[in-house]
């Protein structure tokens, strides 16, 4: 599942950055960490479901978590809290993941 690998790679980048960041407020770190992990875990759980309705539900939740990550990162970028290029790199990945998951949801809707 290429989308899972893509989201997992994004999650790994976020995890490593948060683990090494001592200055960021706990509540922001916690929110971003949870949303990032949620995007990956909901993809995994959705792939284990047998009904298209269940799969679709987990894809929607995963995509929502991706939007949440992108929003937090946009805020942190505006506050100059991110290393140079980090936002652009991650945002591009989130945009691609979001489009891919959207396409997957639409395909399930057609069935």
PDB file of N, CA and C in Angstrom:
ATOM      1  N   UNK A   1       0.854  -1.185   0.000  1.00  0.00           N
ATOM      2  CA  UNK A   1       0.000   0.000   0.000  1.00  0.00           C
ATOM      3  C   UNK A   1       0.898   1.246   0.000  1.00  0.00           C
ATOM      4  N   UNK A   2       1.133   1.820  -1.145  1.00  0.00           N
ATOM      5  CA  UNK A   2       2.021   2.987  -1.232  1.00  0.00           C
ATOM      6  C   UNK A   2       1.559   4.175  -0.380  1.00  0.00           C
ATOM      7  N   UNK A   3       0.269   4.397  -0.273  1.00  0.00           N
ATOM      8  CA  UNK A   3      -0.216   5.538   0.516  1.00  0.00           C
ATOM      9  C   UNK A   3       0.155   5.340   1.985  1.00  0.00           C
ATOM     10  N   UNK A   4       0.082   4.128   2.459  1.00  0.00           N
ATOM     11  CA  UNK A   4       0.459   3.867   3.855  1.00  0.00           C
ATOM     12  C   UNK A   4       1.930   4.195   4.069  1.00  0.00           C
ATOM     13  N   UNK A   5       2.781   3.770   3.148  1.00  0.00           N
ATOM     14  CA  UNK A   5       4.213   4.050   3.272  1.00  0.00           C
ATOM     15  C   UNK A   5       4.489   5.552   3.246  1.00  0.00           C
ATOM     16  N   UNK A   6       3.754   6.262   2.406  1.00  0.00           N
ATOM     17  CA  UNK A   6       3.924   7.711   2.312  1.00  0.00           C
ATOM     18  C   UNK A   6       3.552   8.387   3.634  1.00  0.00           C
ATOM     19  N   UNK A   7       2.410   8.025   4.179  1.00  0.00           N
ATOM     20  CA  UNK A   7       1.944   8.629   5.432  1.00  0.00           C
ATOM     21  C   UNK A   7       2.838   8.192   6.596  1.00  0.00           C
ATOM     22  N   UNK A   8       3.305   6.964   6.565  1.00  0.00           N
ATOM     23  CA  UNK A   8       4.220   6.486   7.603  1.00  0.00           C
ATOM     24  C   UNK A   8       5.526   7.286   7.573  1.00  0.00           C
ATOM     25  N   UNK A   9       6.033   7.573   6.387  1.00  0.00           N
ATOM     26  CA  UNK A   9       7.264   8.370   6.264  1.00  0.00           C
ATOM     27  C   UNK A   9       7.045   9.779   6.811  1.00  0.00           C
ATOM     28  N   UNK A  10       5.883  10.365   6.528  1.00  0.00           N
ATOM     29  CA  UNK A  10       5.552  11.680   7.067  1.00  0.00           C
ATOM     30  C   UNK A  10       5.516  11.618   8.595  1.00  0.00           C
ATOM     31  N   UNK A  11       4.881  10.583   9.102  1.00  0.00           N
ATOM     32  CA  UNK A  11       4.773  10.413  10.549  1.00  0.00           C
ATOM     33  C   UNK A  11       6.155  10.284  11.184  1.00  0.00           C
ATOM     34  N   UNK A  12       7.051   9.556  10.541  1.00  0.00           N
ATOM     35  CA  UNK A  12       8.413   9.394  11.067  1.00  0.00           C
ATOM     36  C   UNK A  12       9.147  10.731  11.142  1.00  0.00           C
ATOM     37  N   UNK A  13       8.984  11.556  10.123  1.00  0.00           N
ATOM     38  CA  UNK A  13       9.626  12.879  10.135  1.00  0.00           C
ATOM     39  C   UNK A  13       9.084  13.734  11.276  1.00  0.00           C
ATOM     40  N   UNK A  14       7.772  13.737  11.418  1.00  0.00           N
ATOM     41  CA  UNK A  14       7.140  14.506  12.493  1.00  0.00           C
ATOM     42  C   UNK A  14       7.613  13.986  13.848  1.00  0.00           C
ATOM     43  N   UNK A  15       7.601  12.675  14.012  1.00  0.00           N
ATOM     44  CA  UNK A  15       7.989  12.072  15.292  1.00  0.00           C
ATOM     45  C   UNK A  15       9.416  12.457  15.679  1.00  0.00           C
ATOM     46  N   UNK A  16      10.344  12.304  14.738  1.00  0.00           N
ATOM     47  CA  UNK A  16      11.747  12.633  15.032  1.00  0.00           C
ATOM     48  C   UNK A  16      11.910  14.111  15.369  1.00  0.00           C
ATOM     49  N   UNK A  17      11.223  14.980  14.617  1.00  0.00           N
ATOM     50  CA  UNK A  17      11.332  16.416  14.874  1.00  0.00           C
ATOM     51  C   UNK A  17      10.757  16.761  16.252  1.00  0.00           C
ATOM     52  N   UNK A  18       9.591  16.214  16.573  1.00  0.00           N
ATOM     53  CA  UNK A  18       8.980  16.505  17.868  1.00  0.00           C
ATOM     54  C   UNK A  18       9.826  15.968  19.021  1.00  0.00           C
ATOM     55  N   UNK A  19      10.395  14.791  18.841  1.00  0.00           N
ATOM     56  CA  UNK A  19      11.208  14.176  19.887  1.00  0.00           C
ATOM     57  C   UNK A  19      12.438  15.030  20.217  1.00  0.00           C
ATOM     58  N   UNK A  20      12.979  15.686  19.211  1.00  0.00           N
ATOM     59  CA  UNK A  20      14.188  16.487  19.405  1.00  0.00           C
ATOM     60  C   UNK A  20      13.905  17.957  19.706  1.00  0.00           C
ATOM     61  N   UNK A  21      12.655  18.354  19.657  1.00  0.00           N
ATOM     62  CA  UNK A  21      12.307  19.754  19.880  1.00  0.00           C
ATOM     63  C   UNK A  21      11.942  19.969  21.350  1.00  0.00           C
ATOM     64  N   UNK A  22      12.758  20.738  22.033  1.00  0.00           N
ATOM     65  CA  UNK A  22      12.548  21.002  23.463  1.00  0.00           C
ATOM     66  C   UNK A  22      11.825  22.326  23.712  1.00  0.00           C
ATOM     67  N   UNK A  23      11.701  23.146  22.688  1.00  0.00           N
ATOM     68  CA  UNK A  23      11.157  24.498  22.874  1.00  0.00           C
ATOM     69  C   UNK A  23       9.658  24.602  22.611  1.00  0.00           C
ATOM     70  N   UNK A  24       9.135  23.730  21.796  1.00  0.00           N
ATOM     71  CA  UNK A  24       7.730  23.811  21.415  1.00  0.00           C
ATOM     72  C   UNK A  24       6.829  23.456  22.598  1.00  0.00           C
ATOM     73  N   UNK A  25       5.743  24.176  22.730  1.00  0.00           N
ATOM     74  CA  UNK A  25       4.786  23.921  23.816  1.00  0.00           C
ATOM     75  C   UNK A  25       4.253  22.491  23.745  1.00  0.00           C
ATOM     76  N   UNK A  26       4.065  21.885  24.917  1.00  0.00           N
ATOM     77  CA  UNK A  26       3.620  20.496  24.998  1.00  0.00           C
ATOM     78  C   UNK A  26       2.311  20.261  24.257  1.00  0.00           C
ATOM     79  N   UNK A  27       1.347  21.156  24.423  1.00  0.00           N
ATOM     80  CA  UNK A  27       0.032  20.924  23.825  1.00  0.00           C
ATOM     81  C   UNK A  27       0.099  20.909  22.302  1.00  0.00           C
ATOM     82  N   UNK A  28       0.987  21.700  21.706  1.00  0.00           N
ATOM     83  CA  UNK A  28       1.150  21.698  20.250  1.00  0.00           C
ATOM     84  C   UNK A  28       1.832  20.393  19.819  1.00  0.00           C
ATOM     85  N   UNK A  29       2.882  20.009  20.534  1.00  0.00           N
ATOM     86  CA  UNK A  29       3.573  18.760  20.219  1.00  0.00           C
ATOM     87  C   UNK A  29       2.609  17.578  20.320  1.00  0.00           C
ATOM     88  N   UNK A  30       1.825  17.552  21.370  1.00  0.00           N
ATOM     89  CA  UNK A  30       0.880  16.473  21.598  1.00  0.00           C
ATOM     90  C   UNK A  30      -0.161  16.404  20.477  1.00  0.00           C
ATOM     91  N   UNK A  31      -0.707  17.544  20.111  1.00  0.00           N
ATOM     92  CA  UNK A  31      -1.743  17.578  19.072  1.00  0.00           C
ATOM     93  C   UNK A  31      -1.196  17.106  17.728  1.00  0.00           C
ATOM     94  N   UNK A  32      -0.024  17.611  17.357  1.00  0.00           N
ATOM     95  CA  UNK A  32       0.576  17.226  16.080  1.00  0.00           C
ATOM     96  C   UNK A  32       0.961  15.749  16.088  1.00  0.00           C
ATOM     97  N   UNK A  33       1.508  15.285  17.176  1.00  0.00           N
ATOM     98  CA  UNK A  33       1.893  13.884  17.298  1.00  0.00           C
ATOM     99  C   UNK A  33       0.680  12.973  17.159  1.00  0.00           C
ATOM    100  N   UNK A  34      -0.392  13.321  17.841  1.00  0.00           N
ATOM    101  CA  UNK A  34      -1.612  12.500  17.803  1.00  0.00           C
ATOM    102  C   UNK A  34      -2.255  12.501  16.420  1.00  0.00           C
ATOM    103  N   UNK A  35      -2.308  13.665  15.782  1.00  0.00           N
ATOM    104  CA  UNK A  35      -2.910  13.747  14.449  1.00  0.00           C
ATOM    105  C   UNK A  35      -2.080  12.973  13.432  1.00  0.00           C
ATOM    106  N   UNK A  36      -0.762  13.103  13.533  1.00  0.00           N
ATOM    107  CA  UNK A  36       0.118  12.398  12.602  1.00  0.00           C
ATOM    108  C   UNK A  36      -0.017  10.883  12.755  1.00  0.00           C
ATOM    109  N   UNK A  37      -0.008  10.427  13.979  1.00  0.00           N
ATOM    110  CA  UNK A  37      -0.161   8.998  14.233  1.00  0.00           C
ATOM    111  C   UNK A  37      -1.541   8.514  13.792  1.00  0.00           C
ATOM    112  N   UNK A  38      -2.559   9.323  14.023  1.00  0.00           N
ATOM    113  CA  UNK A  38      -3.919   8.968  13.629  1.00  0.00           C
ATOM    114  C   UNK A  38      -4.038   8.775  12.117  1.00  0.00           C
ATOM    115  N   UNK A  39      -3.369   9.624  11.348  1.00  0.00           N
ATOM    116  CA  UNK A  39      -3.456   9.492   9.889  1.00  0.00           C
ATOM    117  C   UNK A  39      -2.915   8.132   9.445  1.00  0.00           C
ATOM    118  N   UNK A  40      -1.840   7.693  10.049  1.00  0.00           N
ATOM    119  CA  UNK A  40      -1.233   6.413   9.697  1.00  0.00           C
ATOM    120  C   UNK A  40      -2.054   5.231  10.219  1.00  0.00           C
ATOM    121  N   UNK A  41      -2.467   5.306  11.478  1.00  0.00           N
ATOM    122  CA  UNK A  41      -3.174   4.176  12.086  1.00  0.00           C
ATOM    123  C   UNK A  41      -4.555   3.953  11.473  1.00  0.00           C
ATOM    124  N   UNK A  42      -5.233   5.020  11.098  1.00  0.00           N
ATOM    125  CA  UNK A  42      -6.545   4.848  10.473  1.00  0.00           C
ATOM    126  C   UNK A  42      -6.437   4.245   9.081  1.00  0.00           C
ATOM    127  N   UNK A  43      -5.367   4.555   8.358  1.00  0.00           N
ATOM    128  CA  UNK A  43      -5.135   3.875   7.076  1.00  0.00           C
ATOM    129  C   UNK A  43      -4.944   2.384   7.300  1.00  0.00           C
ATOM    130  N   UNK A  44      -4.132   2.045   8.292  1.00  0.00           N
ATOM    131  CA  UNK A  44      -3.871   0.638   8.582  1.00  0.00           C
ATOM    132  C   UNK A  44      -5.152  -0.084   9.003  1.00  0.00           C
ATOM    133  N   UNK A  45      -5.891   0.523   9.903  1.00  0.00           N
ATOM    134  CA  UNK A  45      -7.107  -0.136  10.377  1.00  0.00           C
ATOM    135  C   UNK A  45      -8.145  -0.254   9.273  1.00  0.00           C
ATOM    136  N   UNK A  46      -8.264   0.768   8.464  1.00  0.00           N
ATOM    137  CA  UNK A  46      -9.219   0.723   7.359  1.00  0.00           C
ATOM    138  C   UNK A  46      -8.912  -0.380   6.364  1.00  0.00           C
ATOM    139  N   UNK A  47      -7.630  -0.651   6.147  1.00  0.00           N
ATOM    140  CA  UNK A  47      -7.267  -1.695   5.188  1.00  0.00           C
ATOM    141  C   UNK A  47      -7.641  -3.087   5.686  1.00  0.00           C
ATOM    142  N   UNK A  48      -7.908  -3.217   6.975  1.00  0.00           N
ATOM    143  CA  UNK A  48      -8.274  -4.522   7.526  1.00  0.00           C
ATOM    144  C   UNK A  48      -9.783  -4.776   7.471  1.00  0.00           C
ATOM    145  N   UNK A  49     -10.544  -3.759   7.105  1.00  0.00           N
ATOM    146  CA  UNK A  49     -12.005  -3.894   7.110  1.00  0.00           C
ATOM    147  C   UNK A  49     -12.505  -4.556   5.839  1.00  0.00           C
ATOM    148  N   UNK A  50     -13.600  -5.275   5.969  1.00  0.00           N
ATOM    149  CA  UNK A  50     -14.146  -6.012   4.829  1.00  0.00           C
ATOM    150  C   UNK A  50     -15.182  -5.203   4.052  1.00  0.00           C
ATOM    151  N   UNK A  51     -15.940  -4.373   4.724  1.00  0.00           N
ATOM    152  CA  UNK A  51     -16.974  -3.631   4.006  1.00  0.00           C
ATOM    153  C   UNK A  51     -16.417  -2.292   3.500  1.00  0.00           C
ATOM    154  N   UNK A  52     -16.900  -1.894   2.352  1.00  0.00           N
ATOM    155  CA  UNK A  52     -16.476  -0.610   1.784  1.00  0.00           C
ATOM    156  C   UNK A  52     -16.881   0.559   2.672  1.00  0.00           C
ATOM    157  N   UNK A  53     -18.022   0.421   3.333  1.00  0.00           N
ATOM    158  CA  UNK A  53     -18.481   1.482   4.231  1.00  0.00           C
ATOM    159  C   UNK A  53     -17.487   1.679   5.379  1.00  0.00           C
ATOM    160  N   UNK A  54     -17.036   0.593   5.976  1.00  0.00           N
ATOM    161  CA  UNK A  54     -16.049   0.686   7.057  1.00  0.00           C
ATOM    162  C   UNK A  54     -14.722   1.237   6.552  1.00  0.00           C
ATOM    163  N   UNK A  55     -14.259   0.734   5.406  1.00  0.00           N
ATOM    164  CA  UNK A  55     -13.009   1.240   4.834  1.00  0.00           C
ATOM    165  C   UNK A  55     -13.095   2.739   4.585  1.00  0.00           C
ATOM    166  N   UNK A  56     -14.203   3.147   3.997  1.00  0.00           N
ATOM    167  CA  UNK A  56     -14.395   4.564   3.680  1.00  0.00           C
ATOM    168  C   UNK A  56     -14.317   5.416   4.945  1.00  0.00           C
ATOM    169  N   UNK A  57     -14.955   4.968   6.006  1.00  0.00           N
ATOM    170  CA  UNK A  57     -14.962   5.709   7.263  1.00  0.00           C
ATOM    171  C   UNK A  57     -13.539   5.957   7.773  1.00  0.00           C
ATOM    172  N   UNK A  58     -12.709   4.920   7.744  1.00  0.00           N
ATOM    173  CA  UNK A  58     -11.335   5.072   8.221  1.00  0.00           C
ATOM    174  C   UNK A  58     -10.506   5.956   7.296  1.00  0.00           C
ATOM    175  N   UNK A  59     -10.780   5.892   5.998  1.00  0.00           N
ATOM    176  CA  UNK A  59     -10.082   6.777   5.057  1.00  0.00           C
ATOM    177  C   UNK A  59     -10.445   8.238   5.316  1.00  0.00           C
ATOM    178  N   UNK A  60     -11.713   8.496   5.577  1.00  0.00           N
ATOM    179  CA  UNK A  60     -12.155   9.862   5.872  1.00  0.00           C
ATOM    180  C   UNK A  60     -11.473  10.379   7.140  1.00  0.00           C
ATOM    181  N   UNK A  61     -11.397   9.546   8.154  1.00  0.00           N
ATOM    182  CA  UNK A  61     -10.747   9.957   9.404  1.00  0.00           C
ATOM    183  C   UNK A  61      -9.256  10.214   9.166  1.00  0.00           C
ATOM    184  N   UNK A  62      -8.611   9.336   8.419  1.00  0.00           N
ATOM    185  CA  UNK A  62      -7.193   9.515   8.108  1.00  0.00           C
ATOM    186  C   UNK A  62      -6.966  10.826   7.360  1.00  0.00           C
ATOM    187  N   UNK A  63      -7.796  11.107   6.379  1.00  0.00           N
ATOM    188  CA  UNK A  63      -7.658  12.349   5.607  1.00  0.00           C
ATOM    189  C   UNK A  63      -7.891  13.569   6.497  1.00  0.00           C
ATOM    190  N   UNK A  64      -8.839  13.480   7.401  1.00  0.00           N
ATOM    191  CA  UNK A  64      -9.070  14.575   8.345  1.00  0.00           C
ATOM    192  C   UNK A  64      -7.858  14.828   9.220  1.00  0.00           C
ATOM    193  N   UNK A  65      -7.201  13.765   9.650  1.00  0.00           N
ATOM    194  CA  UNK A  65      -5.994  13.908  10.464  1.00  0.00           C
ATOM    195  C   UNK A  65      -4.861  14.534   9.656  1.00  0.00           C
ATOM    196  N   UNK A  66      -4.793  14.230   8.382  1.00  0.00           N
ATOM    197  CA  UNK A  66      -3.787  14.849   7.514  1.00  0.00           C
ATOM    198  C   UNK A  66      -4.032  16.346   7.417  1.00  0.00           C
ATOM    199  N   UNK A  67      -5.289  16.734   7.273  1.00  0.00           N
ATOM    200  CA  UNK A  67      -5.622  18.167   7.239  1.00  0.00           C
ATOM    201  C   UNK A  67      -5.267  18.836   8.562  1.00  0.00           C
ATOM    202  N   UNK A  68      -5.467  18.124   9.648  1.00  0.00           N
ATOM    203  CA  UNK A  68      -5.117  18.646  10.965  1.00  0.00           C
ATOM    204  C   UNK A  68      -3.609  18.871  11.074  1.00  0.00           C
ATOM    205  N   UNK A  69      -2.824  17.915  10.623  1.00  0.00           N
ATOM    206  CA  UNK A  69      -1.355  18.070  10.626  1.00  0.00           C
ATOM    207  C   UNK A  69      -0.936  19.271   9.791  1.00  0.00           C
ATOM    208  N   UNK A  70      -1.490  19.371   8.603  1.00  0.00           N
ATOM    209  CA  UNK A  70      -1.139  20.477   7.706  1.00  0.00           C
ATOM    210  C   UNK A  70      -1.485  21.817   8.333  1.00  0.00           C
ATOM    211  N   UNK A  71      -2.597  21.871   9.035  1.00  0.00           N
ATOM    212  CA  UNK A  71      -3.020  23.110   9.683  1.00  0.00           C
ATOM    213  C   UNK A  71      -2.071  23.508  10.811  1.00  0.00           C
ATOM    214  N   UNK A  72      -1.699  22.546  11.641  1.00  0.00           N
ATOM    215  CA  UNK A  72      -0.771  22.825  12.740  1.00  0.00           C
ATOM    216  C   UNK A  72       0.577  23.280  12.180  1.00  0.00           C
ATOM    217  N   UNK A  73       1.052  22.595  11.148  1.00  0.00           N
ATOM    218  CA  UNK A  73       2.335  22.965  10.554  1.00  0.00           C
ATOM    219  C   UNK A  73       2.290  24.343   9.908  1.00  0.00           C
ATOM    220  N   UNK A  74       1.164  24.674   9.289  1.00  0.00           N
ATOM    221  CA  UNK A  74       1.015  26.009   8.709  1.00  0.00           C
ATOM    222  C   UNK A  74       1.116  27.074   9.806  1.00  0.00           C
ATOM    223  N   UNK A  75       0.460  26.824  10.921  1.00  0.00           N
ATOM    224  CA  UNK A  75       0.533  27.741  12.058  1.00  0.00           C
ATOM    225  C   UNK A  75       1.970  27.875  12.568  1.00  0.00           C
ATOM    226  N   UNK A  76       2.652  26.735  12.728  1.00  0.00           N
ATOM    227  CA  UNK A  76       4.026  26.755  13.223  1.00  0.00           C
ATOM    228  C   UNK A  76       4.970  27.449  12.240  1.00  0.00           C
ATOM    229  N   UNK A  77       4.715  27.286  10.957  1.00  0.00           N
ATOM    230  CA  UNK A  77       5.516  27.982   9.943  1.00  0.00           C
ATOM    231  C   UNK A  77       5.331  29.494  10.065  1.00  0.00           C
ATOM    232  N   UNK A  78       4.096  29.925  10.227  1.00  0.00           N
ATOM    233  CA  UNK A  78       3.817  31.357  10.368  1.00  0.00           C
ATOM    234  C   UNK A  78       4.431  31.929  11.641  1.00  0.00           C
ATOM    235  N   UNK A  79       4.609  31.099  12.638  1.00  0.00           N
ATOM    236  CA  UNK A  79       5.217  31.532  13.901  1.00  0.00           C
ATOM    237  C   UNK A  79       6.731  31.328  13.916  1.00  0.00           C
ATOM    238  N   UNK A  80       7.296  30.947  12.777  1.00  0.00           N
ATOM    239  CA  UNK A  80       8.742  30.714  12.643  1.00  0.00           C
ATOM    240  C   UNK A  80       9.264  29.659  13.616  1.00  0.00           C
ATOM    241  N   UNK A  81       8.498  28.611  13.794  1.00  0.00           N
ATOM    242  CA  UNK A  81       8.866  27.529  14.710  1.00  0.00           C
ATOM    243  C   UNK A  81       9.441  26.308  13.992  1.00  0.00           C
ATOM    244  N   UNK A  82       9.475  26.336  12.644  1.00  0.00           N
ATOM    245  CA  UNK A  82       9.927  25.173  11.890  1.00  0.00           C
ATOM    246  C   UNK A  82      11.276  25.429  11.237  1.00  0.00           C
ATOM    247  N   UNK A  83      12.077  24.382  11.073  1.00  0.00           N
ATOM    248  CA  UNK A  83      13.338  24.538  10.342  1.00  0.00           C
ATOM    249  C   UNK A  83      13.055  24.900   8.878  1.00  0.00           C
ATOM    250  N   UNK A  84      14.013  25.554   8.255  1.00  0.00           N
ATOM    251  CA  UNK A  84      13.854  25.954   6.852  1.00  0.00           C
ATOM    252  C   UNK A  84      13.548  24.756   5.966  1.00  0.00           C
ATOM    253  N   UNK A  85      12.516  24.896   5.145  1.00  0.00           N
ATOM    254  CA  UNK A  85      12.142  23.869   4.187  1.00  0.00           C
ATOM    255  C   UNK A  85      11.293  22.747   4.739  1.00  0.00           C
ATOM    256  N   UNK A  86      11.189  22.655   6.052  1.00  0.00           N
ATOM    257  CA  UNK A  86      10.449  21.559   6.679  1.00  0.00           C
ATOM    258  C   UNK A  86       8.963  21.632   6.329  1.00  0.00           C
ATOM    259  N   UNK A  87       8.399  22.825   6.413  1.00  0.00           N
ATOM    260  CA  UNK A  87       6.973  22.994   6.103  1.00  0.00           C
ATOM    261  C   UNK A  87       6.687  22.625   4.652  1.00  0.00           C
ATOM    262  N   UNK A  88       7.485  23.153   3.736  1.00  0.00           N
ATOM    263  CA  UNK A  88       7.250  22.898   2.312  1.00  0.00           C
ATOM    264  C   UNK A  88       7.313  21.409   1.998  1.00  0.00           C
ATOM    265  N   UNK A  89       8.317  20.754   2.543  1.00  0.00           N
ATOM    266  CA  UNK A  89       8.492  19.322   2.308  1.00  0.00           C
ATOM    267  C   UNK A  89       7.300  18.530   2.833  1.00  0.00           C
ATOM    268  N   UNK A  90       6.928  18.781   4.074  1.00  0.00           N
ATOM    269  CA  UNK A  90       5.821  18.036   4.664  1.00  0.00           C
ATOM    270  C   UNK A  90       4.487  18.405   4.034  1.00  0.00           C
ATOM    271  N   UNK A  91       4.287  19.671   3.770  1.00  0.00           N
ATOM    272  CA  UNK A  91       3.016  20.102   3.184  1.00  0.00           C
ATOM    273  C   UNK A  91       2.793  19.460   1.817  1.00  0.00           C
ATOM    274  N   UNK A  92       3.855  19.361   1.038  1.00  0.00           N
ATOM    275  CA  UNK A  92       3.755  18.709  -0.265  1.00  0.00           C
ATOM    276  C   UNK A  92       3.343  17.243  -0.095  1.00  0.00           C
ATOM    277  N   UNK A  93       3.938  16.573   0.866  1.00  0.00           N
ATOM    278  CA  UNK A  93       3.581  15.183   1.140  1.00  0.00           C
ATOM    279  C   UNK A  93       2.145  15.033   1.606  1.00  0.00           C
ATOM    280  N   UNK A  94       1.710  15.946   2.473  1.00  0.00           N
ATOM    281  CA  UNK A  94       0.325  15.896   2.949  1.00  0.00           C
ATOM    282  C   UNK A  94      -0.662  16.162   1.816  1.00  0.00           C
ATOM    283  N   UNK A  95      -0.304  17.068   0.927  1.00  0.00           N
ATOM    284  CA  UNK A  95      -1.190  17.359  -0.204  1.00  0.00           C
ATOM    285  C   UNK A  95      -1.333  16.126  -1.096  1.00  0.00           C
ATOM    286  N   UNK A  96      -0.227  15.468  -1.374  1.00  0.00           N
ATOM    287  CA  UNK A  96      -0.270  14.266  -2.201  1.00  0.00           C
ATOM    288  C   UNK A  96      -1.059  13.153  -1.514  1.00  0.00           C
ATOM    289  N   UNK A  97      -0.831  12.968  -0.217  1.00  0.00           N
ATOM    290  CA  UNK A  97      -1.562  11.937   0.532  1.00  0.00           C
ATOM    291  C   UNK A  97      -3.056  12.234   0.556  1.00  0.00           C
ATOM    292  N   UNK A  98      -3.398  13.497   0.765  1.00  0.00           N
ATOM    293  CA  UNK A  98      -4.808  13.893   0.799  1.00  0.00           C
ATOM    294  C   UNK A  98      -5.498  13.597  -0.531  1.00  0.00           C
ATOM    295  N   UNK A  99      -4.842  13.930  -1.625  1.00  0.00           N
ATOM    296  CA  UNK A  99      -5.419  13.674  -2.954  1.00  0.00           C
ATOM    297  C   UNK A  99      -5.574  12.176  -3.207  1.00  0.00           C
ATOM    298  N   UNK A 100      -4.587  11.410  -2.798  1.00  0.00           N
ATOM    299  CA  UNK A 100      -4.648   9.963  -2.999  1.00  0.00           C
ATOM    300  C   UNK A 100      -5.787   9.353  -2.195  1.00  0.00           C
ATOM    301  N   UNK A 101      -5.915   9.754  -0.956  1.00  0.00           N
ATOM    302  CA  UNK A 101      -6.988   9.217  -0.116  1.00  0.00           C
ATOM    303  C   UNK A 101      -8.352   9.670  -0.639  1.00  0.00           C
ATOM    304  N   UNK A 102      -8.442  10.899  -1.098  1.00  0.00           N
ATOM    305  CA  UNK A 102      -9.694  11.386  -1.692  1.00  0.00           C
ATOM    306  C   UNK A 102     -10.090  10.497  -2.874  1.00  0.00           C
ATOM    307  N   UNK A 103      -9.119  10.198  -3.720  1.00  0.00           N
ATOM    308  CA  UNK A 103      -9.379   9.327  -4.868  1.00  0.00           C
ATOM    309  C   UNK A 103      -9.848   7.944  -4.390  1.00  0.00           C
ATOM    310  N   UNK A 104      -9.229   7.412  -3.358  1.00  0.00           N
ATOM    311  CA  UNK A 104      -9.627   6.107  -2.818  1.00  0.00           C
ATOM    312  C   UNK A 104     -11.062   6.141  -2.295  1.00  0.00           C
ATOM    313  N   UNK A 105     -11.423   7.236  -1.621  1.00  0.00           N
ATOM    314  CA  UNK A 105     -12.783   7.377  -1.101  1.00  0.00           C
ATOM    315  C   UNK A 105     -13.782   7.430  -2.257  1.00  0.00           C
ATOM    316  N   UNK A 106     -13.461   8.184  -3.283  1.00  0.00           N
ATOM    317  CA  UNK A 106     -14.363   8.295  -4.448  1.00  0.00           C
ATOM    318  C   UNK A 106     -14.538   6.962  -5.131  1.00  0.00           C
ATOM    319  N   UNK A 107     -13.466   6.178  -5.222  1.00  0.00           N
ATOM    320  CA  UNK A 107     -13.567   4.854  -5.823  1.00  0.00           C
ATOM    321  C   UNK A 107     -14.486   3.958  -4.997  1.00  0.00           C
ATOM    322  N   UNK A 108     -14.397   4.040  -3.691  1.00  0.00           N
ATOM    323  CA  UNK A 108     -15.283   3.236  -2.840  1.00  0.00           C
ATOM    324  C   UNK A 108     -16.737   3.684  -2.996  1.00  0.00           C
ATOM    325  N   UNK A 109     -16.944   4.985  -3.168  1.00  0.00           N
ATOM    326  CA  UNK A 109     -18.295   5.510  -3.349  1.00  0.00           C
ATOM    327  C   UNK A 109     -18.941   5.019  -4.636  1.00  0.00           C
ATOM    328  N   UNK A 110     -18.122   4.711  -5.633  1.00  0.00           N
ATOM    329  CA  UNK A 110     -18.636   4.253  -6.932  1.00  0.00           C
ATOM    330  C   UNK A 110     -19.056   2.798  -6.904  1.00  0.00           C
ATOM    331  N   UNK A 111     -18.605   2.062  -5.899  1.00  0.00           N
ATOM    332  CA  UNK A 111     -18.914   0.622  -5.832  1.00  0.00           C
ATOM    333  C   UNK A 111     -20.270   0.364  -5.236  1.00  0.00           C
TER     334      UNK A 111
END
